[in-house]
């Protein structure tokens, strides 16, 4: 589904990361969300590849990347480790400085990437998230009911893993189909890829560890940033679906302005899965936000 993008494997500290690269122009890293893979970009990648050198990667624990074994502190699935993965992938492909477009879990990785490696990121676009720490601290009834998986996945093993492994396709469809537009926005081949990868050995464990990390070690890192007054200074554009849970439950722009100095953003007429529900609008937004840098050398 990602024709014209060459497949590569990049290894970092024993973790094999599946990547694809193609197009021409300044480098643009794309990071996917849960429970998806890099295939989620299939409707926007063809046009973006006409303007940028695209680098797509499956996050550790997802897609065709490796699934690290769980550790007691959930460090191996922390967003800090995933951000280091992204840095290694971009270095492998020859890029020290680049733009980032990221959705959902990938957007949380991108936030940490920009926080820990600010010199590497020129511009950052995040899709349908508020800062992780704020979302946990401001959780209310409506959010907890809509994002039930946040609280299911962080329960101690082995129950969440066992339930996912009993029917991975049903888990994928239950999470994705419960949003604004149901399953109708998803190409059958893309949905099949999400289901295939969710059924790979170790996927359930990594999915749970990803969320356990977000509720533990990732929050420690976020709280340390807040306590130290560390703000993002990279230009940040945030977009969210006007029909999504994030829009209903949080003041997205205000929350990001507490964490970043140069923020702009607005809603789009869709739900959570912006790249598949509103690909034309997202493509326009990306070209508008990133294009001024198109003449800058990587």
C-alpha atoms as a PDB file:
ATOM      1  CA  UNK A   1       0.000   0.000   0.000  1.00  0.00           C
ATOM      2  CA  UNK A   2       3.053   2.232   0.294  1.00  0.00           C
ATOM      3  CA  UNK A   3       4.301   1.892  -3.260  1.00  0.00           C
ATOM      4  CA  UNK A   4       7.453   3.776  -4.166  1.00  0.00           C
ATOM      5  CA  UNK A   5       8.839   3.585  -0.619  1.00  0.00           C
ATOM      6  CA  UNK A   6      11.774   1.228  -0.134  1.00  0.00           C
ATOM      7  CA  UNK A   7      11.782  -1.083   2.868  1.00  0.00           C
ATOM      8  CA  UNK A   8      14.708  -1.148   5.328  1.00  0.00           C
ATOM      9  CA  UNK A   9      15.500  -2.616   8.731  1.00  0.00           C
ATOM     10  CA  UNK A  10      17.392  -0.490  11.246  1.00  0.00           C
ATOM     11  CA  UNK A  11      18.698  -2.109  14.436  1.00  0.00           C
ATOM     12  CA  UNK A  12      19.214  -0.182  17.667  1.00  0.00           C
ATOM     13  CA  UNK A  13      20.338  -1.922  20.836  1.00  0.00           C
ATOM     14  CA  UNK A  14      19.117  -5.235  19.493  1.00  0.00           C
ATOM     15  CA  UNK A  15      15.675  -3.956  18.459  1.00  0.00           C
ATOM     16  CA  UNK A  16      14.943  -4.325  14.730  1.00  0.00           C
ATOM     17  CA  UNK A  17      12.911  -1.388  13.393  1.00  0.00           C
ATOM     18  CA  UNK A  18      11.002  -1.637  10.139  1.00  0.00           C
ATOM     19  CA  UNK A  19      11.226   1.521   8.026  1.00  0.00           C
ATOM     20  CA  UNK A  20      10.360   2.758   4.565  1.00  0.00           C
ATOM     21  CA  UNK A  21      11.871   5.677   2.676  1.00  0.00           C
ATOM     22  CA  UNK A  22      11.069   7.419  -0.590  1.00  0.00           C
ATOM     23  CA  UNK A  23      10.237  10.685  -2.317  1.00  0.00           C
ATOM     24  CA  UNK A  24      12.453  13.726  -2.754  1.00  0.00           C
ATOM     25  CA  UNK A  25      13.062  16.944  -0.859  1.00  0.00           C
ATOM     26  CA  UNK A  26      13.744  17.721   2.803  1.00  0.00           C
ATOM     27  CA  UNK A  27      13.251  14.852   5.257  1.00  0.00           C
ATOM     28  CA  UNK A  28       9.877  14.284   6.911  1.00  0.00           C
ATOM     29  CA  UNK A  29       9.438  11.545   9.525  1.00  0.00           C
ATOM     30  CA  UNK A  30       5.959  10.008   9.886  1.00  0.00           C
ATOM     31  CA  UNK A  31       4.993   8.176  13.094  1.00  0.00           C
ATOM     32  CA  UNK A  32       1.810   6.119  13.404  1.00  0.00           C
ATOM     33  CA  UNK A  33      -0.641   5.506  16.235  1.00  0.00           C
ATOM     34  CA  UNK A  34      -2.243   2.559  18.057  1.00  0.00           C
ATOM     35  CA  UNK A  35      -3.331  -0.057  17.112  1.00  0.00           C
ATOM     36  CA  UNK A  36      -1.979   0.722  13.669  1.00  0.00           C
ATOM     37  CA  UNK A  37       1.229   0.631  11.634  1.00  0.00           C
ATOM     38  CA  UNK A  38       2.964   2.909   9.143  1.00  0.00           C
ATOM     39  CA  UNK A  39       0.304   1.818   6.627  1.00  0.00           C
ATOM     40  CA  UNK A  40      -2.029   4.435   8.175  1.00  0.00           C
ATOM     41  CA  UNK A  41      -0.224   7.038   6.020  1.00  0.00           C
ATOM     42  CA  UNK A  42      -1.145   5.354   2.719  1.00  0.00           C
ATOM     43  CA  UNK A  43      -3.596   8.106   1.674  1.00  0.00           C
ATOM     44  CA  UNK A  44      -1.251  11.034   2.336  1.00  0.00           C
ATOM     45  CA  UNK A  45       2.165   9.584   1.512  1.00  0.00           C
ATOM     46  CA  UNK A  46       1.886   9.721  -2.313  1.00  0.00           C
ATOM     47  CA  UNK A  47       1.396  13.504  -2.433  1.00  0.00           C
ATOM     48  CA  UNK A  48       3.809  14.249   0.395  1.00  0.00           C
ATOM     49  CA  UNK A  49       6.488  12.188  -1.361  1.00  0.00           C
ATOM     50  CA  UNK A  50       6.373  14.680  -4.236  1.00  0.00           C
ATOM     51  CA  UNK A  51       7.647  17.369  -1.863  1.00  0.00           C
ATOM     52  CA  UNK A  52       9.600  15.557   0.855  1.00  0.00           C
ATOM     53  CA  UNK A  53      11.842  12.593   1.431  1.00  0.00           C
ATOM     54  CA  UNK A  54       9.503  10.537   3.566  1.00  0.00           C
ATOM     55  CA  UNK A  55      10.752   8.237   6.301  1.00  0.00           C
ATOM     56  CA  UNK A  56       8.100   5.988   7.832  1.00  0.00           C
ATOM     57  CA  UNK A  57       8.757   3.623  10.713  1.00  0.00           C
ATOM     58  CA  UNK A  58       6.817   1.073  12.697  1.00  0.00           C
ATOM     59  CA  UNK A  59       7.242   1.895  16.373  1.00  0.00           C
ATOM     60  CA  UNK A  60       8.837  -0.836  18.473  1.00  0.00           C
ATOM     61  CA  UNK A  61       6.086  -3.256  19.432  1.00  0.00           C
ATOM     62  CA  UNK A  62       3.991  -2.452  16.356  1.00  0.00           C
ATOM     63  CA  UNK A  63       3.852  -3.312  12.680  1.00  0.00           C
ATOM     64  CA  UNK A  64       6.853  -5.314  11.523  1.00  0.00           C
ATOM     65  CA  UNK A  65       9.251  -3.881  14.103  1.00  0.00           C
ATOM     66  CA  UNK A  66      10.529  -6.036  16.967  1.00  0.00           C
ATOM     67  CA  UNK A  67       8.655  -6.564  20.228  1.00  0.00           C
ATOM     68  CA  UNK A  68      11.043  -6.084  23.183  1.00  0.00           C
ATOM     69  CA  UNK A  69      10.433  -8.248  26.220  1.00  0.00           C
ATOM     70  CA  UNK A  70       8.670  -6.506  29.116  1.00  0.00           C
ATOM     71  CA  UNK A  71      10.746  -5.020  31.931  1.00  0.00           C
ATOM     72  CA  UNK A  72       9.572  -4.181  35.434  1.00  0.00           C
ATOM     73  CA  UNK A  73       9.845  -0.404  34.959  1.00  0.00           C
ATOM     74  CA  UNK A  74       8.427  -0.476  31.410  1.00  0.00           C
ATOM     75  CA  UNK A  75      11.487   1.456  30.228  1.00  0.00           C
ATOM     76  CA  UNK A  76      11.923  -0.543  27.029  1.00  0.00           C
ATOM     77  CA  UNK A  77       8.523   0.692  25.825  1.00  0.00           C
ATOM     78  CA  UNK A  78       8.921   4.248  27.091  1.00  0.00           C
ATOM     79  CA  UNK A  79       8.501   7.142  24.718  1.00  0.00           C
ATOM     80  CA  UNK A  80      12.094   8.101  25.489  1.00  0.00           C
ATOM     81  CA  UNK A  81      13.314   4.799  24.053  1.00  0.00           C
ATOM     82  CA  UNK A  82      11.005   5.106  21.061  1.00  0.00           C
ATOM     83  CA  UNK A  83      12.309   8.632  20.462  1.00  0.00           C
ATOM     84  CA  UNK A  84      15.842   7.227  20.462  1.00  0.00           C
ATOM     85  CA  UNK A  85      14.654   4.684  17.905  1.00  0.00           C
ATOM     86  CA  UNK A  86      13.465   7.530  15.705  1.00  0.00           C
ATOM     87  CA  UNK A  87      16.798   9.301  16.028  1.00  0.00           C
ATOM     88  CA  UNK A  88      18.624   6.104  15.036  1.00  0.00           C
ATOM     89  CA  UNK A  89      16.340   5.570  12.046  1.00  0.00           C
ATOM     90  CA  UNK A  90      16.858   9.097  10.774  1.00  0.00           C
ATOM     91  CA  UNK A  91      20.627   8.872  11.307  1.00  0.00           C
ATOM     92  CA  UNK A  92      20.675   5.576   9.401  1.00  0.00           C
ATOM     93  CA  UNK A  93      19.011   7.295   6.469  1.00  0.00           C
ATOM     94  CA  UNK A  94      21.454  10.196   6.645  1.00  0.00           C
ATOM     95  CA  UNK A  95      19.377  12.885   8.355  1.00  0.00           C
ATOM     96  CA  UNK A  96      20.450  14.837  11.428  1.00  0.00           C
ATOM     97  CA  UNK A  97      17.634  17.402  11.256  1.00  0.00           C
ATOM     98  CA  UNK A  98      14.121  16.803   9.998  1.00  0.00           C
ATOM     99  CA  UNK A  99      10.411  17.559  10.272  1.00  0.00           C
ATOM    100  CA  UNK A 100       7.955  15.262  12.057  1.00  0.00           C
ATOM    101  CA  UNK A 101       4.293  14.448  11.404  1.00  0.00           C
ATOM    102  CA  UNK A 102       2.836  12.098  14.005  1.00  0.00           C
ATOM    103  CA  UNK A 103      -0.503  10.699  15.161  1.00  0.00           C
ATOM    104  CA  UNK A 104      -1.778   9.298  18.467  1.00  0.00           C
ATOM    105  CA  UNK A 105       0.917   7.123  20.161  1.00  0.00           C
ATOM    106  CA  UNK A 106       3.398   8.263  17.543  1.00  0.00           C
ATOM    107  CA  UNK A 107       2.604  11.851  18.472  1.00  0.00           C
ATOM    108  CA  UNK A 108       3.517  11.093  22.089  1.00  0.00           C
ATOM    109  CA  UNK A 109       6.802   9.666  20.847  1.00  0.00           C
ATOM    110  CA  UNK A 110       7.281  12.801  18.734  1.00  0.00           C
ATOM    111  CA  UNK A 111       6.653  15.022  21.767  1.00  0.00           C
ATOM    112  CA  UNK A 112       9.377  13.197  23.678  1.00  0.00           C
ATOM    113  CA  UNK A 113      11.645  13.237  20.607  1.00  0.00           C
ATOM    114  CA  UNK A 114      11.348  17.002  20.362  1.00  0.00           C
ATOM    115  CA  UNK A 115      11.762  17.421  24.121  1.00  0.00           C
ATOM    116  CA  UNK A 116      14.875  15.250  24.376  1.00  0.00           C
ATOM    117  CA  UNK A 117      16.446  16.107  20.998  1.00  0.00           C
ATOM    118  CA  UNK A 118      15.315  19.659  20.203  1.00  0.00           C
ATOM    119  CA  UNK A 119      18.134  20.340  17.750  1.00  0.00           C
ATOM    120  CA  UNK A 120      16.977  17.457  15.552  1.00  0.00           C
ATOM    121  CA  UNK A 121      13.406  18.609  14.882  1.00  0.00           C
ATOM    122  CA  UNK A 122      12.753  21.623  12.660  1.00  0.00           C
ATOM    123  CA  UNK A 123       8.966  21.575  12.801  1.00  0.00           C
ATOM    124  CA  UNK A 124       6.485  19.298  14.519  1.00  0.00           C
ATOM    125  CA  UNK A 125       2.874  18.458  13.651  1.00  0.00           C
ATOM    126  CA  UNK A 126       0.876  16.386  16.162  1.00  0.00           C
ATOM    127  CA  UNK A 127      -2.486  14.813  15.394  1.00  0.00           C
ATOM    128  CA  UNK A 128      -5.352  14.421  17.865  1.00  0.00           C
ATOM    129  CA  UNK A 129      -3.574  14.392  21.194  1.00  0.00           C
ATOM    130  CA  UNK A 130      -3.164  16.672  24.172  1.00  0.00           C
ATOM    131  CA  UNK A 131      -0.050  16.234  26.354  1.00  0.00           C
ATOM    132  CA  UNK A 132      -0.082  12.827  28.045  1.00  0.00           C
ATOM    133  CA  UNK A 133       0.378  14.222  31.554  1.00  0.00           C
ATOM    134  CA  UNK A 134      -2.502  16.655  31.130  1.00  0.00           C
ATOM    135  CA  UNK A 135      -4.818  13.974  29.778  1.00  0.00           C
ATOM    136  CA  UNK A 136      -4.195  11.726  32.776  1.00  0.00           C
ATOM    137  CA  UNK A 137      -4.499  14.565  35.277  1.00  0.00           C
ATOM    138  CA  UNK A 138      -7.720  15.869  33.709  1.00  0.00           C
ATOM    139  CA  UNK A 139      -9.372  12.504  33.094  1.00  0.00           C
ATOM    140  CA  UNK A 140     -13.106  12.578  33.688  1.00  0.00           C
ATOM    141  CA  UNK A 141     -16.013  10.225  33.168  1.00  0.00           C
ATOM    142  CA  UNK A 142     -16.491  10.960  29.448  1.00  0.00           C
ATOM    143  CA  UNK A 143     -12.828  10.450  28.622  1.00  0.00           C
ATOM    144  CA  UNK A 144     -12.497   7.276  30.707  1.00  0.00           C
ATOM    145  CA  UNK A 145     -15.513   5.725  28.980  1.00  0.00           C
ATOM    146  CA  UNK A 146     -14.382   6.647  25.460  1.00  0.00           C
ATOM    147  CA  UNK A 147     -10.693   5.787  25.990  1.00  0.00           C
ATOM    148  CA  UNK A 148     -11.380   2.632  27.978  1.00  0.00           C
ATOM    149  CA  UNK A 149      -8.333   0.954  26.451  1.00  0.00           C
ATOM    150  CA  UNK A 150      -6.027   3.416  28.272  1.00  0.00           C
ATOM    151  CA  UNK A 151      -7.127   1.908  31.574  1.00  0.00           C
ATOM    152  CA  UNK A 152      -7.609  -1.679  30.413  1.00  0.00           C
ATOM    153  CA  UNK A 153      -4.130  -2.018  28.904  1.00  0.00           C
ATOM    154  CA  UNK A 154      -2.281  -0.788  31.996  1.00  0.00           C
ATOM    155  CA  UNK A 155      -3.709  -3.530  34.226  1.00  0.00           C
ATOM    156  CA  UNK A 156      -1.150  -6.072  35.479  1.00  0.00           C
ATOM    157  CA  UNK A 157      -0.291  -9.011  33.237  1.00  0.00           C
ATOM    158  CA  UNK A 158      -1.389 -11.472  32.078  1.00  0.00           C
ATOM    159  CA  UNK A 159      -5.084 -10.576  31.814  1.00  0.00           C
ATOM    160  CA  UNK A 160      -4.993  -7.773  29.192  1.00  0.00           C
ATOM    161  CA  UNK A 161      -2.512  -9.730  27.074  1.00  0.00           C
ATOM    162  CA  UNK A 162      -4.610 -12.887  27.270  1.00  0.00           C
ATOM    163  CA  UNK A 163      -7.786 -11.108  26.232  1.00  0.00           C
ATOM    164  CA  UNK A 164      -6.115  -9.440  23.245  1.00  0.00           C
ATOM    165  CA  UNK A 165      -4.412 -12.656  22.168  1.00  0.00           C
ATOM    166  CA  UNK A 166      -7.711 -14.519  22.275  1.00  0.00           C
ATOM    167  CA  UNK A 167      -8.904 -12.491  19.259  1.00  0.00           C
ATOM    168  CA  UNK A 168      -6.480  -9.778  18.040  1.00  0.00           C
ATOM    169  CA  UNK A 169      -8.665  -8.766  15.096  1.00  0.00           C
ATOM    170  CA  UNK A 170     -11.622  -8.227  17.397  1.00  0.00           C
ATOM    171  CA  UNK A 171      -9.471  -6.048  19.648  1.00  0.00           C
ATOM    172  CA  UNK A 172      -8.354  -3.891  16.700  1.00  0.00           C
ATOM    173  CA  UNK A 173     -11.891  -3.522  15.412  1.00  0.00           C
ATOM    174  CA  UNK A 174     -13.268  -2.792  18.882  1.00  0.00           C
ATOM    175  CA  UNK A 175     -10.799   0.048  19.478  1.00  0.00           C
ATOM    176  CA  UNK A 176     -10.952   1.573  16.007  1.00  0.00           C
ATOM    177  CA  UNK A 177     -14.615   0.919  15.337  1.00  0.00           C
ATOM    178  CA  UNK A 178     -15.802   2.600  18.524  1.00  0.00           C
ATOM    179  CA  UNK A 179     -14.780   6.074  17.326  1.00  0.00           C
ATOM    180  CA  UNK A 180     -16.763   8.742  15.479  1.00  0.00           C
ATOM    181  CA  UNK A 181     -16.974   7.104  12.022  1.00  0.00           C
ATOM    182  CA  UNK A 182     -16.811   3.443  12.974  1.00  0.00           C
ATOM    183  CA  UNK A 183     -14.789   1.270  10.614  1.00  0.00           C
ATOM    184  CA  UNK A 184     -16.030   2.932   7.428  1.00  0.00           C
ATOM    185  CA  UNK A 185     -12.966   5.195   6.860  1.00  0.00           C
ATOM    186  CA  UNK A 186     -10.515   2.321   6.711  1.00  0.00           C
ATOM    187  CA  UNK A 187      -9.386   0.657   3.520  1.00  0.00           C
ATOM    188  CA  UNK A 188      -9.900  -3.097   3.802  1.00  0.00           C
ATOM    189  CA  UNK A 189      -6.253  -3.786   3.008  1.00  0.00           C
ATOM    190  CA  UNK A 190      -5.075  -1.320   5.656  1.00  0.00           C
ATOM    191  CA  UNK A 191      -7.396  -2.809   8.272  1.00  0.00           C
ATOM    192  CA  UNK A 192      -6.086  -6.240   7.317  1.00  0.00           C
ATOM    193  CA  UNK A 193      -2.529  -5.048   7.972  1.00  0.00           C
ATOM    194  CA  UNK A 194      -3.458  -3.712  11.403  1.00  0.00           C
ATOM    195  CA  UNK A 195      -5.077  -7.042  12.232  1.00  0.00           C
ATOM    196  CA  UNK A 196      -2.148  -9.061  10.875  1.00  0.00           C
ATOM    197  CA  UNK A 197       0.380  -7.159  12.951  1.00  0.00           C
ATOM    198  CA  UNK A 198      -1.739  -7.265  16.110  1.00  0.00           C
ATOM    199  CA  UNK A 199      -1.697 -11.061  15.813  1.00  0.00           C
ATOM    200  CA  UNK A 200       2.102 -11.355  15.574  1.00  0.00           C
ATOM    201  CA  UNK A 201       3.798 -12.991  18.569  1.00  0.00           C
ATOM    202  CA  UNK A 202       4.536 -10.468  21.308  1.00  0.00           C
ATOM    203  CA  UNK A 203       2.165  -7.799  19.996  1.00  0.00           C
ATOM    204  CA  UNK A 204      -0.272  -7.972  22.894  1.00  0.00           C
ATOM    205  CA  UNK A 205       2.565  -7.715  25.391  1.00  0.00           C
ATOM    206  CA  UNK A 206       4.107  -4.709  23.628  1.00  0.00           C
ATOM    207  CA  UNK A 207       0.770  -2.932  23.283  1.00  0.00           C
ATOM    208  CA  UNK A 208       0.180  -3.272  27.012  1.00  0.00           C
ATOM    209  CA  UNK A 209       3.751  -2.273  27.855  1.00  0.00           C
ATOM    210  CA  UNK A 210       3.424   0.826  25.664  1.00  0.00           C
ATOM    211  CA  UNK A 211       0.440   1.976  27.709  1.00  0.00           C
ATOM    212  CA  UNK A 212       1.923   0.895  31.038  1.00  0.00           C
ATOM    213  CA  UNK A 213       4.947   3.021  30.200  1.00  0.00           C
ATOM    214  CA  UNK A 214       2.682   5.986  29.431  1.00  0.00           C
ATOM    215  CA  UNK A 215       1.058   5.673  32.853  1.00  0.00           C
ATOM    216  CA  UNK A 216       4.360   5.330  34.740  1.00  0.00           C
ATOM    217  CA  UNK A 217       7.834   6.134  33.432  1.00  0.00           C
ATOM    218  CA  UNK A 218       6.576   8.493  30.704  1.00  0.00           C
ATOM    219  CA  UNK A 219       4.733  10.531  33.326  1.00  0.00           C
ATOM    220  CA  UNK A 220       7.914  10.697  35.406  1.00  0.00           C
ATOM    221  CA  UNK A 221       9.730  12.167  32.405  1.00  0.00           C
ATOM    222  CA  UNK A 222       6.903  14.629  31.734  1.00  0.00           C
ATOM    223  CA  UNK A 223       6.729  15.742  35.363  1.00  0.00           C
ATOM    224  CA  UNK A 224      10.489  16.294  35.377  1.00  0.00           C
ATOM    225  CA  UNK A 225      10.149  18.557  32.324  1.00  0.00           C
ATOM    226  CA  UNK A 226       7.353  20.552  33.949  1.00  0.00           C
ATOM    227  CA  UNK A 227       9.241  20.880  37.237  1.00  0.00           C
ATOM    228  CA  UNK A 228      12.329  22.121  35.402  1.00  0.00           C
ATOM    229  CA  UNK A 229      10.304  24.545  33.264  1.00  0.00           C
ATOM    230  CA  UNK A 230      11.427  22.872  30.037  1.00  0.00           C
ATOM    231  CA  UNK A 231       9.268  24.032  27.119  1.00  0.00           C
ATOM    232  CA  UNK A 232       9.255  23.013  23.472  1.00  0.00           C
ATOM    233  CA  UNK A 233      10.589  25.830  21.308  1.00  0.00           C
ATOM    234  CA  UNK A 234      10.268  24.045  17.982  1.00  0.00           C
ATOM    235  CA  UNK A 235       7.384  25.398  15.854  1.00  0.00           C
ATOM    236  CA  UNK A 236       4.421  23.161  16.722  1.00  0.00           C
ATOM    237  CA  UNK A 237       1.155  22.690  14.836  1.00  0.00           C
ATOM    238  CA  UNK A 238      -1.556  20.641  16.532  1.00  0.00           C
ATOM    239  CA  UNK A 239      -4.608  19.349  14.688  1.00  0.00           C
ATOM    240  CA  UNK A 240      -7.515  17.424  16.128  1.00  0.00           C
ATOM    241  CA  UNK A 241     -10.783  15.929  14.929  1.00  0.00           C
ATOM    242  CA  UNK A 242     -13.763  18.071  15.844  1.00  0.00           C
ATOM    243  CA  UNK A 243     -15.851  14.915  16.332  1.00  0.00           C
ATOM    244  CA  UNK A 244     -13.257  13.152  18.463  1.00  0.00           C
ATOM    245  CA  UNK A 245     -13.017  12.461  22.177  1.00  0.00           C
ATOM    246  CA  UNK A 246      -9.928  14.641  22.592  1.00  0.00           C
ATOM    247  CA  UNK A 247     -11.853  17.661  21.303  1.00  0.00           C
ATOM    248  CA  UNK A 248     -14.822  16.931  23.585  1.00  0.00           C
ATOM    249  CA  UNK A 249     -12.795  16.413  26.731  1.00  0.00           C
ATOM    250  CA  UNK A 250      -9.830  18.793  26.495  1.00  0.00           C
ATOM    251  CA  UNK A 251      -8.878  22.314  25.446  1.00  0.00           C
ATOM    252  CA  UNK A 252      -6.187  21.042  23.123  1.00  0.00           C
ATOM    253  CA  UNK A 253      -4.589  24.323  22.118  1.00  0.00           C
ATOM    254  CA  UNK A 254      -4.456  25.733  25.652  1.00  0.00           C
ATOM    255  CA  UNK A 255      -2.894  22.574  27.038  1.00  0.00           C
ATOM    256  CA  UNK A 256      -0.179  22.589  24.396  1.00  0.00           C
ATOM    257  CA  UNK A 257       0.517  26.263  25.057  1.00  0.00           C
ATOM    258  CA  UNK A 258       1.426  25.250  28.586  1.00  0.00           C
ATOM    259  CA  UNK A 259       4.124  22.956  27.180  1.00  0.00           C
ATOM    260  CA  UNK A 260       5.321  24.728  24.036  1.00  0.00           C
ATOM    261  CA  UNK A 261       6.276  28.303  23.181  1.00  0.00           C
ATOM    262  CA  UNK A 262       5.357  28.395  19.480  1.00  0.00           C
ATOM    263  CA  UNK A 263       2.009  26.666  19.018  1.00  0.00           C
ATOM    264  CA  UNK A 264      -0.725  26.978  16.418  1.00  0.00           C
ATOM    265  CA  UNK A 265      -3.569  24.658  15.517  1.00  0.00           C
ATOM    266  CA  UNK A 266      -7.225  23.974  14.960  1.00  0.00           C
ATOM    267  CA  UNK A 267      -9.756  21.211  14.476  1.00  0.00           C
ATOM    268  CA  UNK A 268     -10.563  19.365  11.264  1.00  0.00           C
ATOM    269  CA  UNK A 269     -14.014  18.040  10.260  1.00  0.00           C
ATOM    270  CA  UNK A 270     -13.399  14.421  11.174  1.00  0.00           C
ATOM    271  CA  UNK A 271     -12.798  12.104  14.099  1.00  0.00           C
ATOM    272  CA  UNK A 272      -9.642  10.644  15.603  1.00  0.00           C
ATOM    273  CA  UNK A 273      -8.128   8.974  12.532  1.00  0.00           C
ATOM    274  CA  UNK A 274      -7.322  12.145  10.610  1.00  0.00           C
ATOM    275  CA  UNK A 275      -4.972  10.617   8.032  1.00  0.00           C
ATOM    276  CA  UNK A 276      -7.654   8.157   6.930  1.00  0.00           C
ATOM    277  CA  UNK A 277     -10.794  10.206   7.535  1.00  0.00           C
ATOM    278  CA  UNK A 278      -9.604  13.522   6.082  1.00  0.00           C
ATOM    279  CA  UNK A 279      -6.457  12.780   4.032  1.00  0.00           C
ATOM    280  CA  UNK A 280      -6.873  15.676   1.604  1.00  0.00           C
ATOM    281  CA  UNK A 281      -7.233  18.213   4.394  1.00  0.00           C
ATOM    282  CA  UNK A 282      -4.283  16.752   6.266  1.00  0.00           C
ATOM    283  CA  UNK A 283      -2.128  16.808   3.140  1.00  0.00           C
ATOM    284  CA  UNK A 284      -2.951  20.490   2.612  1.00  0.00           C
ATOM    285  CA  UNK A 285      -2.151  21.262   6.243  1.00  0.00           C
ATOM    286  CA  UNK A 286       1.171  19.418   6.053  1.00  0.00           C
ATOM    287  CA  UNK A 287       2.214  21.128   2.820  1.00  0.00           C
ATOM    288  CA  UNK A 288       1.306  24.514   4.248  1.00  0.00           C
ATOM    289  CA  UNK A 289       3.109  23.979   7.551  1.00  0.00           C
ATOM    290  CA  UNK A 290       6.240  22.214   6.324  1.00  0.00           C
ATOM    291  CA  UNK A 291       6.602  23.653   2.818  1.00  0.00           C
ATOM    292  CA  UNK A 292       8.317  26.941   3.856  1.00  0.00           C
ATOM    293  CA  UNK A 293      11.272  24.769   4.798  1.00  0.00           C
ATOM    294  CA  UNK A 294      11.288  22.878   1.512  1.00  0.00           C
ATOM    295  CA  UNK A 295      14.194  24.894   0.150  1.00  0.00           C
ATOM    296  CA  UNK A 296      16.291  24.409   3.290  1.00  0.00           C
ATOM    297  CA  UNK A 297      18.945  21.754   3.027  1.00  0.00           C
ATOM    298  CA  UNK A 298      18.683  18.856   5.502  1.00  0.00           C
END
